[in-house]
């Protein structure tokens, strides 16, 4: 992990939590209590993230980012509001940690000679198979 990830401190004003009713099993408890957490992190306007981390996080989060630039995470794994809240925050931190690791630059390589030769040999064999599939000419049919 990148050491700069340890220095990232999130501003609480960038995080908004909303409690909603959870779906799935749980009987009457599920119908009465809003235990699921919908965590919204203002990714677009947050000043607590360096620009390179923010760009990678946008890409990493994918369709969890709204058009307004809000990263939305839903946590409904637990029946307790506090556990779901903690889970959502841990998932946000895990995403930020993953985004803080810069990608390793790609080193250009060329394929080894043996694999090039094998590829060309396979192409020649395939070509021969297809040549032998030629249609019947008029002189052969009788």
C-alpha atoms as a PDB file:
ATOM      1  CA  UNK A   1       0.000   0.000   0.000  1.00  0.00           C
ATOM      2  CA  UNK A   2       1.106   3.519  -0.767  1.00  0.00           C
ATOM      3  CA  UNK A   3       2.336   5.446   2.297  1.00  0.00           C
ATOM      4  CA  UNK A   4       0.302   8.479   1.172  1.00  0.00           C
ATOM      5  CA  UNK A   5      -2.862   6.428   1.788  1.00  0.00           C
ATOM      6  CA  UNK A   6      -2.080   6.458   5.494  1.00  0.00           C
ATOM      7  CA  UNK A   7      -1.977  10.264   5.463  1.00  0.00           C
ATOM      8  CA  UNK A   8      -5.423  10.669   3.859  1.00  0.00           C
ATOM      9  CA  UNK A   9      -7.898  12.072   6.363  1.00  0.00           C
ATOM     10  CA  UNK A  10     -11.493  12.282   5.207  1.00  0.00           C
ATOM     11  CA  UNK A  11     -13.555  15.339   5.984  1.00  0.00           C
ATOM     12  CA  UNK A  12     -16.759  14.306   7.776  1.00  0.00           C
ATOM     13  CA  UNK A  13     -18.693  16.976   5.864  1.00  0.00           C
ATOM     14  CA  UNK A  14     -18.045  14.996   2.638  1.00  0.00           C
ATOM     15  CA  UNK A  15     -19.854  11.942   4.058  1.00  0.00           C
ATOM     16  CA  UNK A  16     -23.638  11.792   4.383  1.00  0.00           C
ATOM     17  CA  UNK A  17     -25.335   8.737   5.894  1.00  0.00           C
ATOM     18  CA  UNK A  18     -28.979   7.887   5.450  1.00  0.00           C
ATOM     19  CA  UNK A  19     -30.714   4.975   7.107  1.00  0.00           C
ATOM     20  CA  UNK A  20     -33.210   3.079   4.973  1.00  0.00           C
ATOM     21  CA  UNK A  21     -35.233  -0.076   5.376  1.00  0.00           C
ATOM     22  CA  UNK A  22     -33.345  -3.194   4.468  1.00  0.00           C
ATOM     23  CA  UNK A  23     -34.718  -5.844   2.138  1.00  0.00           C
ATOM     24  CA  UNK A  24     -34.579  -9.599   2.523  1.00  0.00           C
ATOM     25  CA  UNK A  25     -35.332 -11.959   5.422  1.00  0.00           C
ATOM     26  CA  UNK A  26     -35.822 -10.755   8.973  1.00  0.00           C
ATOM     27  CA  UNK A  27     -39.551 -10.851   9.519  1.00  0.00           C
ATOM     28  CA  UNK A  28     -41.337  -7.953  11.155  1.00  0.00           C
ATOM     29  CA  UNK A  29     -38.023  -6.411  12.288  1.00  0.00           C
ATOM     30  CA  UNK A  30     -37.111  -5.623   8.664  1.00  0.00           C
ATOM     31  CA  UNK A  31     -40.458  -3.941   8.064  1.00  0.00           C
ATOM     32  CA  UNK A  32     -40.221  -1.668  11.104  1.00  0.00           C
ATOM     33  CA  UNK A  33     -36.592  -0.616  11.500  1.00  0.00           C
ATOM     34  CA  UNK A  34     -34.364   1.290   9.073  1.00  0.00           C
ATOM     35  CA  UNK A  35     -31.082  -0.549   9.624  1.00  0.00           C
ATOM     36  CA  UNK A  36     -29.527  -0.421   6.144  1.00  0.00           C
ATOM     37  CA  UNK A  37     -27.070   2.441   5.609  1.00  0.00           C
ATOM     38  CA  UNK A  38     -26.747   4.437   2.422  1.00  0.00           C
ATOM     39  CA  UNK A  39     -23.385   6.220   2.613  1.00  0.00           C
ATOM     40  CA  UNK A  40     -22.802   9.071   0.164  1.00  0.00           C
ATOM     41  CA  UNK A  41     -19.284  10.436  -0.256  1.00  0.00           C
ATOM     42  CA  UNK A  42     -18.861  13.663  -2.240  1.00  0.00           C
ATOM     43  CA  UNK A  43     -16.076  12.411  -4.482  1.00  0.00           C
ATOM     44  CA  UNK A  44     -16.217  15.268  -6.978  1.00  0.00           C
ATOM     45  CA  UNK A  45     -15.908  18.148  -4.469  1.00  0.00           C
ATOM     46  CA  UNK A  46     -13.872  16.479  -1.721  1.00  0.00           C
ATOM     47  CA  UNK A  47     -10.616  18.277  -0.933  1.00  0.00           C
ATOM     48  CA  UNK A  48      -9.372  15.501   1.359  1.00  0.00           C
ATOM     49  CA  UNK A  49      -8.287  13.290  -1.551  1.00  0.00           C
ATOM     50  CA  UNK A  50      -5.318  13.999  -3.838  1.00  0.00           C
ATOM     51  CA  UNK A  51      -6.318  14.428  -7.482  1.00  0.00           C
ATOM     52  CA  UNK A  52      -4.628  11.235  -8.719  1.00  0.00           C
ATOM     53  CA  UNK A  53      -6.383   9.155  -6.026  1.00  0.00           C
ATOM     54  CA  UNK A  54      -9.727  10.819  -6.838  1.00  0.00           C
ATOM     55  CA  UNK A  55      -9.376   9.970 -10.555  1.00  0.00           C
ATOM     56  CA  UNK A  56      -8.499   6.332  -9.807  1.00  0.00           C
ATOM     57  CA  UNK A  57     -11.387   6.120  -7.316  1.00  0.00           C
ATOM     58  CA  UNK A  58     -13.833   7.411  -9.963  1.00  0.00           C
ATOM     59  CA  UNK A  59     -12.677   4.639 -12.279  1.00  0.00           C
ATOM     60  CA  UNK A  60     -12.638   1.996  -9.543  1.00  0.00           C
ATOM     61  CA  UNK A  61     -16.101   2.817  -8.194  1.00  0.00           C
ATOM     62  CA  UNK A  62     -17.681   2.575 -11.652  1.00  0.00           C
ATOM     63  CA  UNK A  63     -21.477   2.763 -11.604  1.00  0.00           C
ATOM     64  CA  UNK A  64     -21.559   3.468  -7.863  1.00  0.00           C
ATOM     65  CA  UNK A  65     -20.749   7.107  -8.697  1.00  0.00           C
ATOM     66  CA  UNK A  66     -23.744   9.290  -9.586  1.00  0.00           C
ATOM     67  CA  UNK A  67     -23.789  11.953 -12.294  1.00  0.00           C
ATOM     68  CA  UNK A  68     -23.317  14.576  -9.543  1.00  0.00           C
ATOM     69  CA  UNK A  69     -20.050  12.912  -8.454  1.00  0.00           C
ATOM     70  CA  UNK A  70     -21.381  11.211  -5.312  1.00  0.00           C
ATOM     71  CA  UNK A  71     -20.039   7.774  -4.434  1.00  0.00           C
ATOM     72  CA  UNK A  72     -22.949   5.751  -3.042  1.00  0.00           C
ATOM     73  CA  UNK A  73     -22.354   2.640  -0.922  1.00  0.00           C
ATOM     74  CA  UNK A  74     -25.153   0.613   0.626  1.00  0.00           C
ATOM     75  CA  UNK A  75     -24.531  -1.626   3.619  1.00  0.00           C
ATOM     76  CA  UNK A  76     -27.296  -4.004   4.667  1.00  0.00           C
ATOM     77  CA  UNK A  77     -25.374  -7.109   5.647  1.00  0.00           C
ATOM     78  CA  UNK A  78     -26.126  -6.848   9.366  1.00  0.00           C
ATOM     79  CA  UNK A  79     -29.351  -6.408  11.325  1.00  0.00           C
ATOM     80  CA  UNK A  80     -27.787  -3.666  13.433  1.00  0.00           C
ATOM     81  CA  UNK A  81     -27.654  -0.049  12.268  1.00  0.00           C
ATOM     82  CA  UNK A  82     -24.233   0.536  13.878  1.00  0.00           C
ATOM     83  CA  UNK A  83     -22.665  -2.569  12.317  1.00  0.00           C
ATOM     84  CA  UNK A  84     -23.963  -1.554   8.883  1.00  0.00           C
ATOM     85  CA  UNK A  85     -22.635   1.968   9.405  1.00  0.00           C
ATOM     86  CA  UNK A  86     -19.206   0.624  10.324  1.00  0.00           C
ATOM     87  CA  UNK A  87     -19.304  -1.778   7.360  1.00  0.00           C
ATOM     88  CA  UNK A  88     -20.095   1.045   4.911  1.00  0.00           C
ATOM     89  CA  UNK A  89     -17.258   3.193   6.234  1.00  0.00           C
ATOM     90  CA  UNK A  90     -14.798   0.291   6.096  1.00  0.00           C
ATOM     91  CA  UNK A  91     -15.782  -0.408   2.503  1.00  0.00           C
ATOM     92  CA  UNK A  92     -15.253   3.266   1.628  1.00  0.00           C
ATOM     93  CA  UNK A  93     -11.805   3.198   3.244  1.00  0.00           C
ATOM     94  CA  UNK A  94     -10.930  -0.037   1.425  1.00  0.00           C
ATOM     95  CA  UNK A  95     -11.873   1.558  -1.901  1.00  0.00           C
ATOM     96  CA  UNK A  96      -9.767   4.640  -1.107  1.00  0.00           C
ATOM     97  CA  UNK A  97      -6.802   2.464  -0.082  1.00  0.00           C
ATOM     98  CA  UNK A  98      -7.073   0.508  -3.321  1.00  0.00           C
ATOM     99  CA  UNK A  99      -7.292   3.736  -5.351  1.00  0.00           C
ATOM    100  CA  UNK A 100      -4.277   5.212  -3.565  1.00  0.00           C
ATOM    101  CA  UNK A 101      -1.980   2.535  -5.000  1.00  0.00           C
ATOM    102  CA  UNK A 102      -0.634   3.869  -8.297  1.00  0.00           C
ATOM    103  CA  UNK A 103      -0.730   1.323 -11.139  1.00  0.00           C
ATOM    104  CA  UNK A 104       2.579  -0.208 -12.098  1.00  0.00           C
ATOM    105  CA  UNK A 105       3.744   1.137 -15.460  1.00  0.00           C
ATOM    106  CA  UNK A 106       3.543  -1.383 -18.279  1.00  0.00           C
ATOM    107  CA  UNK A 107       6.903  -2.503 -19.539  1.00  0.00           C
ATOM    108  CA  UNK A 108       6.873  -3.094 -23.273  1.00  0.00           C
ATOM    109  CA  UNK A 109       7.836  -6.617 -24.224  1.00  0.00           C
ATOM    110  CA  UNK A 110       7.824  -8.572 -27.460  1.00  0.00           C
ATOM    111  CA  UNK A 111       6.598 -12.153 -27.759  1.00  0.00           C
ATOM    112  CA  UNK A 112       9.338 -14.816 -27.690  1.00  0.00           C
ATOM    113  CA  UNK A 113      10.510 -16.264 -31.001  1.00  0.00           C
ATOM    114  CA  UNK A 114       9.112 -19.725 -30.233  1.00  0.00           C
ATOM    115  CA  UNK A 115       5.590 -18.407 -29.677  1.00  0.00           C
ATOM    116  CA  UNK A 116       5.778 -16.362 -32.911  1.00  0.00           C
ATOM    117  CA  UNK A 117       6.866 -19.479 -34.812  1.00  0.00           C
ATOM    118  CA  UNK A 118       4.120 -21.571 -33.191  1.00  0.00           C
ATOM    119  CA  UNK A 119       1.514 -18.958 -34.165  1.00  0.00           C
ATOM    120  CA  UNK A 120       2.703 -18.865 -37.782  1.00  0.00           C
ATOM    121  CA  UNK A 121       2.820 -22.669 -37.943  1.00  0.00           C
ATOM    122  CA  UNK A 122      -0.782 -22.856 -36.692  1.00  0.00           C
ATOM    123  CA  UNK A 123      -1.806 -20.265 -39.272  1.00  0.00           C
ATOM    124  CA  UNK A 124      -0.190 -22.330 -42.066  1.00  0.00           C
ATOM    125  CA  UNK A 125      -1.968 -25.496 -40.888  1.00  0.00           C
ATOM    126  CA  UNK A 126      -5.307 -23.705 -40.702  1.00  0.00           C
ATOM    127  CA  UNK A 127      -4.747 -22.262 -44.179  1.00  0.00           C
ATOM    128  CA  UNK A 128      -4.106 -25.765 -45.590  1.00  0.00           C
ATOM    129  CA  UNK A 129      -7.279 -27.118 -43.976  1.00  0.00           C
ATOM    130  CA  UNK A 130      -9.300 -24.307 -45.524  1.00  0.00           C
ATOM    131  CA  UNK A 131      -7.690 -24.744 -48.978  1.00  0.00           C
ATOM    132  CA  UNK A 132      -8.734 -28.398 -49.008  1.00  0.00           C
ATOM    133  CA  UNK A 133     -12.344 -27.342 -48.489  1.00  0.00           C
ATOM    134  CA  UNK A 134     -12.620 -26.048 -52.047  1.00  0.00           C
ATOM    135  CA  UNK A 135     -15.914 -26.486 -53.846  1.00  0.00           C
ATOM    136  CA  UNK A 136     -16.593 -29.146 -56.475  1.00  0.00           C
ATOM    137  CA  UNK A 137     -15.743 -27.947 -59.986  1.00  0.00           C
ATOM    138  CA  UNK A 138     -17.966 -28.541 -63.073  1.00  0.00           C
ATOM    139  CA  UNK A 139     -15.535 -30.993 -64.704  1.00  0.00           C
ATOM    140  CA  UNK A 140     -15.512 -33.320 -61.684  1.00  0.00           C
ATOM    141  CA  UNK A 141     -19.275 -33.695 -61.455  1.00  0.00           C
ATOM    142  CA  UNK A 142     -20.612 -35.968 -63.971  1.00  0.00           C
END
